[in-house]
Amino acid sequence: QSLCSRRGCCWSPLSDPNAPWCYFSSDHGYTVDGDLVTTQQGLQAALARLPSPSLFGQDIDNLLLTSQLQTPNRLRFKITDPNNQRYEVPHEHVGSFTDPAASNLNYKVEV
């Protein structure tokens, strides 16, 4: 409980053994900054860091959420730093996606 509080988290013991007792409040993390942008592949949203204690330090204040509605059953999303290019580990099964967004989705995206 002490460590949880020092991190600026919420502490709430629950009877459900699978539920976390220590968790971030809703004023941690990021919020959408501006309007969602529809792209050919999906959606983009600018994210702004909420003023809250840093867990690891060197937080990035502005991020970019990019989603690709690749198939009716597959959504790909990336969160990147729009101001600094960073190395991305290549993956043999995840190539670039240039197709238009899928339709008749079996999922719902909310940002």
PDB file of N, CA and C in Angstrom:
ATOM      1  N   GLN A   1       0.830  -1.188   0.000  1.00  0.00           N
ATOM      2  CA  GLN A   1       0.000   0.000   0.000  1.00  0.00           C
ATOM      3  C   GLN A   1       0.877   1.255   0.000  1.00  0.00           C
ATOM      4  N   SER A   2       1.944   1.243   0.761  1.00  0.00           N
ATOM      5  CA  SER A   2       2.842   2.385   0.842  1.00  0.00           C
ATOM      6  C   SER A   2       3.496   2.671  -0.507  1.00  0.00           C
ATOM      7  N   LEU A   3       3.998   1.641  -1.167  1.00  0.00           N
ATOM      8  CA  LEU A   3       4.629   1.801  -2.476  1.00  0.00           C
ATOM      9  C   LEU A   3       3.624   2.328  -3.491  1.00  0.00           C
ATOM     10  N   CYS A   4       2.417   1.819  -3.448  1.00  0.00           N
ATOM     11  CA  CYS A   4       1.350   2.260  -4.347  1.00  0.00           C
ATOM     12  C   CYS A   4       1.100   3.752  -4.165  1.00  0.00           C
ATOM     13  N   SER A   5       0.987   4.184  -2.950  1.00  0.00           N
ATOM     14  CA  SER A   5       0.731   5.596  -2.658  1.00  0.00           C
ATOM     15  C   SER A   5       1.899   6.481  -3.067  1.00  0.00           C
ATOM     16  N   ARG A   6       3.128   6.009  -2.871  1.00  0.00           N
ATOM     17  CA  ARG A   6       4.306   6.799  -3.260  1.00  0.00           C
ATOM     18  C   ARG A   6       4.370   7.006  -4.766  1.00  0.00           C
ATOM     19  N   ARG A   7       3.832   6.068  -5.540  1.00  0.00           N
ATOM     20  CA  ARG A   7       3.811   6.214  -6.994  1.00  0.00           C
ATOM     21  C   ARG A   7       2.694   7.139  -7.454  1.00  0.00           C
ATOM     22  N   GLY A   8       1.817   7.552  -6.540  1.00  0.00           N
ATOM     23  CA  GLY A   8       0.694   8.407  -6.922  1.00  0.00           C
ATOM     24  C   GLY A   8      -0.487   7.618  -7.436  1.00  0.00           C
ATOM     25  N   CYS A   9      -0.541   6.345  -7.090  1.00  0.00           N
ATOM     26  CA  CYS A   9      -1.624   5.479  -7.550  1.00  0.00           C
ATOM     27  C   CYS A   9      -2.747   5.416  -6.507  1.00  0.00           C
ATOM     28  N   CYS A  10      -3.809   4.749  -6.885  1.00  0.00           N
ATOM     29  CA  CYS A  10      -4.940   4.529  -5.982  1.00  0.00           C
ATOM     30  C   CYS A  10      -4.819   3.139  -5.369  1.00  0.00           C
ATOM     31  N   TRP A  11      -5.198   2.994  -4.111  1.00  0.00           N
ATOM     32  CA  TRP A  11      -5.163   1.725  -3.398  1.00  0.00           C
ATOM     33  C   TRP A  11      -6.581   1.377  -2.977  1.00  0.00           C
ATOM     34  N   SER A  12      -7.053   0.204  -3.411  1.00  0.00           N
ATOM     35  CA  SER A  12      -8.410  -0.206  -3.074  1.00  0.00           C
ATOM     36  C   SER A  12      -8.471  -1.730  -2.984  1.00  0.00           C
ATOM     37  N   PRO A  13      -8.290  -2.299  -1.771  1.00  0.00           N
ATOM     38  CA  PRO A  13      -8.379  -3.756  -1.618  1.00  0.00           C
ATOM     39  C   PRO A  13      -9.770  -4.255  -2.021  1.00  0.00           C
ATOM     40  N   LEU A  14      -9.779  -5.299  -2.822  1.00  0.00           N
ATOM     41  CA  LEU A  14     -11.037  -5.863  -3.320  1.00  0.00           C
ATOM     42  C   LEU A  14     -11.121  -7.343  -2.964  1.00  0.00           C
ATOM     43  N   SER A  15     -12.334  -7.850  -2.925  1.00  0.00           N
ATOM     44  CA  SER A  15     -12.518  -9.270  -2.624  1.00  0.00           C
ATOM     45  C   SER A  15     -12.185 -10.162  -3.823  1.00  0.00           C
ATOM     46  N   ASP A  16     -12.230  -9.597  -5.033  1.00  0.00           N
ATOM     47  CA  ASP A  16     -11.907 -10.352  -6.245  1.00  0.00           C
ATOM     48  C   ASP A  16     -10.385 -10.508  -6.336  1.00  0.00           C
ATOM     49  N   PRO A  17      -9.850 -11.737  -6.262  1.00  0.00           N
ATOM     50  CA  PRO A  17      -8.387 -11.923  -6.275  1.00  0.00           C
ATOM     51  C   PRO A  17      -7.756 -11.571  -7.625  1.00  0.00           C
ATOM     52  N   ASN A  18      -8.546 -11.464  -8.679  1.00  0.00           N
ATOM     53  CA  ASN A  18      -8.002 -11.134 -10.000  1.00  0.00           C
ATOM     54  C   ASN A  18      -7.999  -9.640 -10.290  1.00  0.00           C
ATOM     55  N   ALA A  19      -8.607  -8.844  -9.445  1.00  0.00           N
ATOM     56  CA  ALA A  19      -8.662  -7.398  -9.655  1.00  0.00           C
ATOM     57  C   ALA A  19      -7.461  -6.735  -8.986  1.00  0.00           C
ATOM     58  N   PRO A  20      -6.851  -5.761  -9.666  1.00  0.00           N
ATOM     59  CA  PRO A  20      -5.695  -5.087  -9.056  1.00  0.00           C
ATOM     60  C   PRO A  20      -6.122  -4.199  -7.889  1.00  0.00           C
ATOM     61  N   TRP A  21      -5.316  -4.187  -6.846  1.00  0.00           N
ATOM     62  CA  TRP A  21      -5.578  -3.326  -5.692  1.00  0.00           C
ATOM     63  C   TRP A  21      -4.924  -1.967  -5.888  1.00  0.00           C
ATOM     64  N   CYS A  22      -3.873  -1.912  -6.677  1.00  0.00           N
ATOM     65  CA  CYS A  22      -3.152  -0.667  -6.942  1.00  0.00           C
ATOM     66  C   CYS A  22      -3.349  -0.329  -8.422  1.00  0.00           C
ATOM     67  N   TYR A  23      -3.814   0.876  -8.705  1.00  0.00           N
ATOM     68  CA  TYR A  23      -4.096   1.249 -10.089  1.00  0.00           C
ATOM     69  C   TYR A  23      -3.970   2.763 -10.245  1.00  0.00           C
ATOM     70  N   PHE A  24      -3.806   3.187 -11.494  1.00  0.00           N
ATOM     71  CA  PHE A  24      -3.732   4.614 -11.797  1.00  0.00           C
ATOM     72  C   PHE A  24      -5.125   5.217 -11.788  1.00  0.00           C
ATOM     73  N   SER A  25      -5.224   6.446 -11.323  1.00  0.00           N
ATOM     74  CA  SER A  25      -6.497   7.157 -11.370  1.00  0.00           C
ATOM     75  C   SER A  25      -6.734   7.663 -12.794  1.00  0.00           C
ATOM     76  N   SER A  26      -7.914   8.179 -13.040  1.00  0.00           N
ATOM     77  CA  SER A  26      -8.250   8.650 -14.386  1.00  0.00           C
ATOM     78  C   SER A  26      -7.512   9.931 -14.759  1.00  0.00           C
ATOM     79  N   ASP A  27      -6.820  10.575 -13.807  1.00  0.00           N
ATOM     80  CA  ASP A  27      -6.062  11.778 -14.158  1.00  0.00           C
ATOM     81  C   ASP A  27      -4.581  11.471 -14.426  1.00  0.00           C
ATOM     82  N   HIS A  28      -4.252  10.215 -14.697  1.00  0.00           N
ATOM     83  CA  HIS A  28      -2.923   9.795 -15.132  1.00  0.00           C
ATOM     84  C   HIS A  28      -2.981   9.499 -16.625  1.00  0.00           C
ATOM     85  N   GLY A  29      -1.850   9.533 -17.258  1.00  0.00           N
ATOM     86  CA  GLY A  29      -1.777   9.106 -18.651  1.00  0.00           C
ATOM     87  C   GLY A  29      -1.936  10.256 -19.628  1.00  0.00           C
ATOM     88  N   TYR A  30      -2.720  10.017 -20.665  1.00  0.00           N
ATOM     89  CA  TYR A  30      -2.849  10.956 -21.771  1.00  0.00           C
ATOM     90  C   TYR A  30      -4.320  11.188 -22.079  1.00  0.00           C
ATOM     91  N   THR A  31      -4.575  12.313 -22.750  1.00  0.00           N
ATOM     92  CA  THR A  31      -5.914  12.626 -23.215  1.00  0.00           C
ATOM     93  C   THR A  31      -5.821  13.028 -24.683  1.00  0.00           C
ATOM     94  N   VAL A  32      -6.909  12.868 -25.416  1.00  0.00           N
ATOM     95  CA  VAL A  32      -6.934  13.269 -26.821  1.00  0.00           C
ATOM     96  C   VAL A  32      -6.865  14.790 -26.874  1.00  0.00           C
ATOM     97  N   ASP A  33      -5.959  15.291 -27.688  1.00  0.00           N
ATOM     98  CA  ASP A  33      -5.737  16.726 -27.823  1.00  0.00           C
ATOM     99  C   ASP A  33      -6.203  17.159 -29.211  1.00  0.00           C
ATOM    100  N   GLY A  34      -7.438  17.606 -29.317  1.00  0.00           N
ATOM    101  CA  GLY A  34      -7.994  18.008 -30.607  1.00  0.00           C
ATOM    102  C   GLY A  34      -8.931  16.952 -31.145  1.00  0.00           C
ATOM    103  N   ASP A  35      -9.204  17.051 -32.423  1.00  0.00           N
ATOM    104  CA  ASP A  35     -10.155  16.143 -33.076  1.00  0.00           C
ATOM    105  C   ASP A  35      -9.469  14.881 -33.575  1.00  0.00           C
ATOM    106  N   LEU A  36     -10.236  13.803 -33.668  1.00  0.00           N
ATOM    107  CA  LEU A  36      -9.758  12.596 -34.335  1.00  0.00           C
ATOM    108  C   LEU A  36      -9.665  12.881 -35.824  1.00  0.00           C
ATOM    109  N   VAL A  37      -8.668  12.328 -36.472  1.00  0.00           N
ATOM    110  CA  VAL A  37      -8.468  12.515 -37.902  1.00  0.00           C
ATOM    111  C   VAL A  37      -8.683  11.173 -38.586  1.00  0.00           C
ATOM    112  N   THR A  38      -9.573  11.148 -39.553  1.00  0.00           N
ATOM    113  CA  THR A  38      -9.803   9.936 -40.343  1.00  0.00           C
ATOM    114  C   THR A  38      -8.763   9.877 -41.453  1.00  0.00           C
ATOM    115  N   THR A  39      -8.097   8.723 -41.558  1.00  0.00           N
ATOM    116  CA  THR A  39      -7.105   8.516 -42.613  1.00  0.00           C
ATOM    117  C   THR A  39      -7.607   7.414 -43.539  1.00  0.00           C
ATOM    118  N   GLN A  40      -6.863   7.168 -44.599  1.00  0.00           N
ATOM    119  CA  GLN A  40      -7.246   6.111 -45.537  1.00  0.00           C
ATOM    120  C   GLN A  40      -7.267   4.747 -44.848  1.00  0.00           C
ATOM    121  N   GLN A  41      -6.371   4.542 -43.870  1.00  0.00           N
ATOM    122  CA  GLN A  41      -6.273   3.247 -43.196  1.00  0.00           C
ATOM    123  C   GLN A  41      -7.055   3.174 -41.888  1.00  0.00           C
ATOM    124  N   GLY A  42      -7.452   4.306 -41.298  1.00  0.00           N
ATOM    125  CA  GLY A  42      -8.128   4.258 -40.003  1.00  0.00           C
ATOM    126  C   GLY A  42      -8.273   5.621 -39.365  1.00  0.00           C
ATOM    127  N   LEU A  43      -7.693   5.781 -38.169  1.00  0.00           N
ATOM    128  CA  LEU A  43      -7.818   7.021 -37.411  1.00  0.00           C
ATOM    129  C   LEU A  43      -6.472   7.440 -36.846  1.00  0.00           C
ATOM    130  N   GLN A  44      -6.338   8.745 -36.590  1.00  0.00           N
ATOM    131  CA  GLN A  44      -5.189   9.282 -35.884  1.00  0.00           C
ATOM    132  C   GLN A  44      -5.687  10.231 -34.811  1.00  0.00           C
ATOM    133  N   ALA A  45      -4.971  10.269 -33.693  1.00  0.00           N
ATOM    134  CA  ALA A  45      -5.310  11.194 -32.619  1.00  0.00           C
ATOM    135  C   ALA A  45      -4.030  11.704 -31.983  1.00  0.00           C
ATOM    136  N   ALA A  46      -3.975  13.009 -31.777  1.00  0.00           N
ATOM    137  CA  ALA A  46      -2.879  13.594 -31.012  1.00  0.00           C
ATOM    138  C   ALA A  46      -3.199  13.379 -29.539  1.00  0.00           C
ATOM    139  N   LEU A  47      -2.200  12.979 -28.770  1.00  0.00           N
ATOM    140  CA  LEU A  47      -2.375  12.727 -27.339  1.00  0.00           C
ATOM    141  C   LEU A  47      -1.488  13.674 -26.551  1.00  0.00           C
ATOM    142  N   ALA A  48      -2.036  14.228 -25.470  1.00  0.00           N
ATOM    143  CA  ALA A  48      -1.276  15.121 -24.596  1.00  0.00           C
ATOM    144  C   ALA A  48      -1.207  14.504 -23.210  1.00  0.00           C
ATOM    145  N   ARG A  49      -0.022  14.526 -22.616  1.00  0.00           N
ATOM    146  CA  ARG A  49       0.184  13.948 -21.284  1.00  0.00           C
ATOM    147  C   ARG A  49      -0.521  14.791 -20.234  1.00  0.00           C
ATOM    148  N   LEU A  50      -1.248  14.124 -19.363  1.00  0.00           N
ATOM    149  CA  LEU A  50      -1.904  14.792 -18.250  1.00  0.00           C
ATOM    150  C   LEU A  50      -0.873  15.110 -17.172  1.00  0.00           C
ATOM    151  N   PRO A  51      -1.031  16.241 -16.477  1.00  0.00           N
ATOM    152  CA  PRO A  51      -0.076  16.551 -15.413  1.00  0.00           C
ATOM    153  C   PRO A  51      -0.265  15.602 -14.234  1.00  0.00           C
ATOM    154  N   SER A  52       0.698  14.740 -14.049  1.00  0.00           N
ATOM    155  CA  SER A  52       0.632  13.745 -12.976  1.00  0.00           C
ATOM    156  C   SER A  52       2.052  13.283 -12.683  1.00  0.00           C
ATOM    157  N   PRO A  53       2.260  12.628 -11.551  1.00  0.00           N
ATOM    158  CA  PRO A  53       3.610  12.145 -11.248  1.00  0.00           C
ATOM    159  C   PRO A  53       4.120  11.185 -12.325  1.00  0.00           C
ATOM    160  N   SER A  54       5.402  11.244 -12.574  1.00  0.00           N
ATOM    161  CA  SER A  54       6.025  10.376 -13.566  1.00  0.00           C
ATOM    162  C   SER A  54       6.407   9.062 -12.907  1.00  0.00           C
ATOM    163  N   LEU A  55       6.095   7.964 -13.561  1.00  0.00           N
ATOM    164  CA  LEU A  55       6.429   6.660 -13.002  1.00  0.00           C
ATOM    165  C   LEU A  55       7.873   6.273 -13.325  1.00  0.00           C
ATOM    166  N   PHE A  56       8.304   6.535 -14.555  1.00  0.00           N
ATOM    167  CA  PHE A  56       9.637   6.118 -14.988  1.00  0.00           C
ATOM    168  C   PHE A  56      10.555   7.291 -15.338  1.00  0.00           C
ATOM    169  N   GLY A  57      10.015   8.499 -15.448  1.00  0.00           N
ATOM    170  CA  GLY A  57      10.806   9.664 -15.827  1.00  0.00           C
ATOM    171  C   GLY A  57      10.913   9.811 -17.329  1.00  0.00           C
ATOM    172  N   GLN A  58      11.365  10.983 -17.782  1.00  0.00           N
ATOM    173  CA  GLN A  58      11.546  11.292 -19.204  1.00  0.00           C
ATOM    174  C   GLN A  58      10.290  11.018 -20.018  1.00  0.00           C
ATOM    175  N   ASP A  59       9.129  11.398 -19.473  1.00  0.00           N
ATOM    176  CA  ASP A  59       7.871  11.207 -20.200  1.00  0.00           C
ATOM    177  C   ASP A  59       7.820  12.099 -21.428  1.00  0.00           C
ATOM    178  N   ILE A  60       7.147  11.645 -22.444  1.00  0.00           N
ATOM    179  CA  ILE A  60       6.959  12.419 -23.667  1.00  0.00           C
ATOM    180  C   ILE A  60       5.604  13.112 -23.543  1.00  0.00           C
ATOM    181  N   ASP A  61       5.603  14.440 -23.684  1.00  0.00           N
ATOM    182  CA  ASP A  61       4.379  15.207 -23.460  1.00  0.00           C
ATOM    183  C   ASP A  61       3.345  15.030 -24.566  1.00  0.00           C
ATOM    184  N   ASN A  62       3.791  14.879 -25.807  1.00  0.00           N
ATOM    185  CA  ASN A  62       2.860  14.757 -26.931  1.00  0.00           C
ATOM    186  C   ASN A  62       3.155  13.485 -27.712  1.00  0.00           C
ATOM    187  N   LEU A  63       2.116  12.699 -27.923  1.00  0.00           N
ATOM    188  CA  LEU A  63       2.238  11.445 -28.665  1.00  0.00           C
ATOM    189  C   LEU A  63       1.246  11.430 -29.814  1.00  0.00           C
ATOM    190  N   LEU A  64       1.417  10.486 -30.715  1.00  0.00           N
ATOM    191  CA  LEU A  64       0.491  10.299 -31.829  1.00  0.00           C
ATOM    192  C   LEU A  64      -0.007   8.861 -31.813  1.00  0.00           C
ATOM    193  N   LEU A  65      -1.317   8.702 -31.747  1.00  0.00           N
ATOM    194  CA  LEU A  65      -1.958   7.388 -31.837  1.00  0.00           C
ATOM    195  C   LEU A  65      -2.403   7.195 -33.276  1.00  0.00           C
ATOM    196  N   THR A  66      -1.930   6.135 -33.898  1.00  0.00           N
ATOM    197  CA  THR A  66      -2.314   5.815 -35.271  1.00  0.00           C
ATOM    198  C   THR A  66      -2.957   4.437 -35.271  1.00  0.00           C
ATOM    199  N   SER A  67      -4.148   4.345 -35.845  1.00  0.00           N
ATOM    200  CA  SER A  67      -4.816   3.040 -35.928  1.00  0.00           C
ATOM    201  C   SER A  67      -5.036   2.672 -37.382  1.00  0.00           C
ATOM    202  N   GLN A  68      -4.955   1.387 -37.645  1.00  0.00           N
ATOM    203  CA  GLN A  68      -5.224   0.843 -38.973  1.00  0.00           C
ATOM    204  C   GLN A  68      -6.294  -0.232 -38.830  1.00  0.00           C
ATOM    205  N   LEU A  69      -7.386  -0.049 -39.532  1.00  0.00           N
ATOM    206  CA  LEU A  69      -8.469  -1.038 -39.531  1.00  0.00           C
ATOM    207  C   LEU A  69      -8.134  -2.019 -40.651  1.00  0.00           C
ATOM    208  N   GLN A  70      -7.246  -2.961 -40.363  1.00  0.00           N
ATOM    209  CA  GLN A  70      -6.642  -3.779 -41.408  1.00  0.00           C
ATOM    210  C   GLN A  70      -7.592  -4.817 -41.995  1.00  0.00           C
ATOM    211  N   THR A  71      -8.355  -5.476 -41.162  1.00  0.00           N
ATOM    212  CA  THR A  71      -9.334  -6.461 -41.638  1.00  0.00           C
ATOM    213  C   THR A  71     -10.554  -6.349 -40.727  1.00  0.00           C
ATOM    214  N   PRO A  72     -11.660  -7.011 -41.058  1.00  0.00           N
ATOM    215  CA  PRO A  72     -12.807  -6.980 -40.150  1.00  0.00           C
ATOM    216  C   PRO A  72     -12.500  -7.537 -38.759  1.00  0.00           C
ATOM    217  N   ASN A  73     -11.415  -8.314 -38.637  1.00  0.00           N
ATOM    218  CA  ASN A  73     -11.056  -8.921 -37.352  1.00  0.00           C
ATOM    219  C   ASN A  73      -9.726  -8.438 -36.783  1.00  0.00           C
ATOM    220  N   ARG A  74      -9.061  -7.483 -37.453  1.00  0.00           N
ATOM    221  CA  ARG A  74      -7.734  -7.078 -36.978  1.00  0.00           C
ATOM    222  C   ARG A  74      -7.576  -5.554 -37.010  1.00  0.00           C
ATOM    223  N   LEU A  75      -7.251  -5.019 -35.845  1.00  0.00           N
ATOM    224  CA  LEU A  75      -6.928  -3.608 -35.678  1.00  0.00           C
ATOM    225  C   LEU A  75      -5.457  -3.520 -35.278  1.00  0.00           C
ATOM    226  N   ARG A  76      -4.713  -2.640 -35.923  1.00  0.00           N
ATOM    227  CA  ARG A  76      -3.333  -2.395 -35.512  1.00  0.00           C
ATOM    228  C   ARG A  76      -3.254  -0.957 -35.037  1.00  0.00           C
ATOM    229  N   PHE A  77      -2.633  -0.749 -33.878  1.00  0.00           N
ATOM    230  CA  PHE A  77      -2.427   0.623 -33.433  1.00  0.00           C
ATOM    231  C   PHE A  77      -0.996   0.806 -32.992  1.00  0.00           C
ATOM    232  N   LYS A  78      -0.513   2.031 -33.168  1.00  0.00           N
ATOM    233  CA  LYS A  78       0.840   2.401 -32.766  1.00  0.00           C
ATOM    234  C   LYS A  78       0.755   3.722 -32.026  1.00  0.00           C
ATOM    235  N   ILE A  79       1.575   3.845 -31.002  1.00  0.00           N
ATOM    236  CA  ILE A  79       1.714   5.098 -30.290  1.00  0.00           C
ATOM    237  C   ILE A  79       3.165   5.522 -30.481  1.00  0.00           C
ATOM    238  N   THR A  80       3.357   6.696 -31.088  1.00  0.00           N
ATOM    239  CA  THR A  80       4.697   7.149 -31.426  1.00  0.00           C
ATOM    240  C   THR A  80       4.907   8.589 -30.960  1.00  0.00           C
ATOM    241  N   ASP A  81       6.155   8.971 -30.939  1.00  0.00           N
ATOM    242  CA  ASP A  81       6.549  10.348 -30.661  1.00  0.00           C
ATOM    243  C   ASP A  81       6.552  11.074 -32.007  1.00  0.00           C
ATOM    244  N   PRO A  82       5.632  12.026 -32.234  1.00  0.00           N
ATOM    245  CA  PRO A  82       5.574  12.669 -33.549  1.00  0.00           C
ATOM    246  C   PRO A  82       6.745  13.633 -33.798  1.00  0.00           C
ATOM    247  N   ASN A  83       7.492  13.976 -32.772  1.00  0.00           N
ATOM    248  CA  ASN A  83       8.572  14.949 -32.910  1.00  0.00           C
ATOM    249  C   ASN A  83       9.954  14.327 -33.040  1.00  0.00           C
ATOM    250  N   ASN A  84      10.061  13.042 -32.743  1.00  0.00           N
ATOM    251  CA  ASN A  84      11.355  12.365 -32.805  1.00  0.00           C
ATOM    252  C   ASN A  84      11.179  10.973 -33.377  1.00  0.00           C
ATOM    253  N   GLN A  85      11.915  10.700 -34.467  1.00  0.00           N
ATOM    254  CA  GLN A  85      11.862   9.363 -35.044  1.00  0.00           C
ATOM    255  C   GLN A  85      12.680   8.429 -34.160  1.00  0.00           C
ATOM    256  N   ARG A  86      12.145   7.273 -33.894  1.00  0.00           N
ATOM    257  CA  ARG A  86      12.834   6.289 -33.058  1.00  0.00           C
ATOM    258  C   ARG A  86      12.958   4.981 -33.828  1.00  0.00           C
ATOM    259  N   TYR A  87      13.900   4.199 -33.416  1.00  0.00           N
ATOM    260  CA  TYR A  87      14.103   2.902 -34.031  1.00  0.00           C
ATOM    261  C   TYR A  87      12.926   1.990 -33.724  1.00  0.00           C
ATOM    262  N   GLU A  88      12.437   1.295 -34.731  1.00  0.00           N
ATOM    263  CA  GLU A  88      11.385   0.295 -34.552  1.00  0.00           C
ATOM    264  C   GLU A  88      11.947  -1.053 -34.965  1.00  0.00           C
ATOM    265  N   VAL A  89      11.805  -2.003 -34.089  1.00  0.00           N
ATOM    266  CA  VAL A  89      12.317  -3.337 -34.364  1.00  0.00           C
ATOM    267  C   VAL A  89      11.532  -3.934 -35.532  1.00  0.00           C
ATOM    268  N   PRO A  90      12.205  -4.337 -36.592  1.00  0.00           N
ATOM    269  CA  PRO A  90      11.487  -4.952 -37.706  1.00  0.00           C
ATOM    270  C   PRO A  90      10.947  -6.323 -37.309  1.00  0.00           C
ATOM    271  N   HIS A  91       9.820  -6.662 -37.886  1.00  0.00           N
ATOM    272  CA  HIS A  91       9.214  -7.963 -37.598  1.00  0.00           C
ATOM    273  C   HIS A  91       8.886  -8.628 -38.924  1.00  0.00           C
ATOM    274  N   GLU A  92       9.265  -9.884 -39.053  1.00  0.00           N
ATOM    275  CA  GLU A  92       9.104 -10.576 -40.329  1.00  0.00           C
ATOM    276  C   GLU A  92       7.652 -10.750 -40.754  1.00  0.00           C
ATOM    277  N   HIS A  93       6.703 -10.714 -39.819  1.00  0.00           N
ATOM    278  CA  HIS A  93       5.302 -10.936 -40.165  1.00  0.00           C
ATOM    279  C   HIS A  93       4.455  -9.665 -40.132  1.00  0.00           C
ATOM    280  N   VAL A  94       5.059  -8.542 -39.796  1.00  0.00           N
ATOM    281  CA  VAL A  94       4.315  -7.284 -39.739  1.00  0.00           C
ATOM    282  C   VAL A  94       4.947  -6.330 -40.737  1.00  0.00           C
ATOM    283  N   GLY A  95       4.340  -6.248 -41.907  1.00  0.00           N
ATOM    284  CA  GLY A  95       4.845  -5.355 -42.938  1.00  0.00           C
ATOM    285  C   GLY A  95       4.054  -4.062 -42.956  1.00  0.00           C
ATOM    286  N   SER A  96       4.382  -3.193 -43.902  1.00  0.00           N
ATOM    287  CA  SER A  96       3.640  -1.949 -44.005  1.00  0.00           C
ATOM    288  C   SER A  96       2.241  -2.242 -44.564  1.00  0.00           C
ATOM    289  N   PHE A  97       1.315  -1.419 -44.169  1.00  0.00           N
ATOM    290  CA  PHE A  97      -0.081  -1.584 -44.574  1.00  0.00           C
ATOM    291  C   PHE A  97      -0.480  -0.359 -45.366  1.00  0.00           C
ATOM    292  N   THR A  98      -0.847  -0.554 -46.626  1.00  0.00           N
ATOM    293  CA  THR A  98      -1.218   0.575 -47.479  1.00  0.00           C
ATOM    294  C   THR A  98      -2.636   0.452 -48.016  1.00  0.00           C
ATOM    295  N   ASP A  99      -3.329  -0.624 -47.675  1.00  0.00           N
ATOM    296  CA  ASP A  99      -4.699  -0.808 -48.158  1.00  0.00           C
ATOM    297  C   ASP A  99      -5.640   0.168 -47.459  1.00  0.00           C
ATOM    298  N   PRO A 100      -6.808   0.405 -48.050  1.00  0.00           N
ATOM    299  CA  PRO A 100      -7.801   1.232 -47.355  1.00  0.00           C
ATOM    300  C   PRO A 100      -8.361   0.486 -46.141  1.00  0.00           C
ATOM    301  N   ALA A 101      -8.948   1.239 -45.238  1.00  0.00           N
ATOM    302  CA  ALA A 101      -9.533   0.658 -44.027  1.00  0.00           C
ATOM    303  C   ALA A 101     -10.582  -0.383 -44.403  1.00  0.00           C
ATOM    304  N   ALA A 102     -10.619  -1.455 -43.626  1.00  0.00           N
ATOM    305  CA  ALA A 102     -11.610  -2.511 -43.833  1.00  0.00           C
ATOM    306  C   ALA A 102     -13.000  -1.991 -43.453  1.00  0.00           C
ATOM    307  N   SER A 103     -14.007  -2.644 -43.987  1.00  0.00           N
ATOM    308  CA  SER A 103     -15.386  -2.304 -43.623  1.00  0.00           C
ATOM    309  C   SER A 103     -16.019  -3.519 -42.953  1.00  0.00           C
ATOM    310  N   ASN A 104     -17.252  -3.373 -42.516  1.00  0.00           N
ATOM    311  CA  ASN A 104     -17.975  -4.461 -41.813  1.00  0.00           C
ATOM    312  C   ASN A 104     -17.141  -5.017 -40.664  1.00  0.00           C
ATOM    313  N   LEU A 105     -16.667  -4.117 -39.815  1.00  0.00           N
ATOM    314  CA  LEU A 105     -15.783  -4.501 -38.711  1.00  0.00           C
ATOM    315  C   LEU A 105     -16.509  -5.321 -37.657  1.00  0.00           C
ATOM    316  N   ASN A 106     -15.804  -6.289 -37.074  1.00  0.00           N
ATOM    317  CA  ASN A 106     -16.323  -7.088 -35.971  1.00  0.00           C
ATOM    318  C   ASN A 106     -15.857  -6.522 -34.627  1.00  0.00           C
ATOM    319  N   TYR A 107     -15.451  -5.279 -34.612  1.00  0.00           N
ATOM    320  CA  TYR A 107     -15.014  -4.595 -33.413  1.00  0.00           C
ATOM    321  C   TYR A 107     -15.410  -3.119 -33.518  1.00  0.00           C
ATOM    322  N   LYS A 108     -15.353  -2.440 -32.401  1.00  0.00           N
ATOM    323  CA  LYS A 108     -15.675  -1.017 -32.353  1.00  0.00           C
ATOM    324  C   LYS A 108     -14.486  -0.290 -31.753  1.00  0.00           C
ATOM    325  N   VAL A 109     -14.069   0.805 -32.388  1.00  0.00           N
ATOM    326  CA  VAL A 109     -12.934   1.576 -31.912  1.00  0.00           C
ATOM    327  C   VAL A 109     -13.459   2.858 -31.261  1.00  0.00           C
ATOM    328  N   GLU A 110     -13.052   3.059 -29.998  1.00  0.00           N
ATOM    329  CA  GLU A 110     -13.390   4.284 -29.286  1.00  0.00           C
ATOM    330  C   GLU A 110     -12.091   4.893 -28.780  1.00  0.00           C
ATOM    331  N   VAL A 111     -11.917   6.178 -28.992  1.00  0.00           N
ATOM    332  CA  VAL A 111     -10.722   6.874 -28.504  1.00  0.00           C
ATOM    333  C   VAL A 111     -11.180   7.946 -27.543  1.00  0.00           C
TER     334      VAL A 111
END
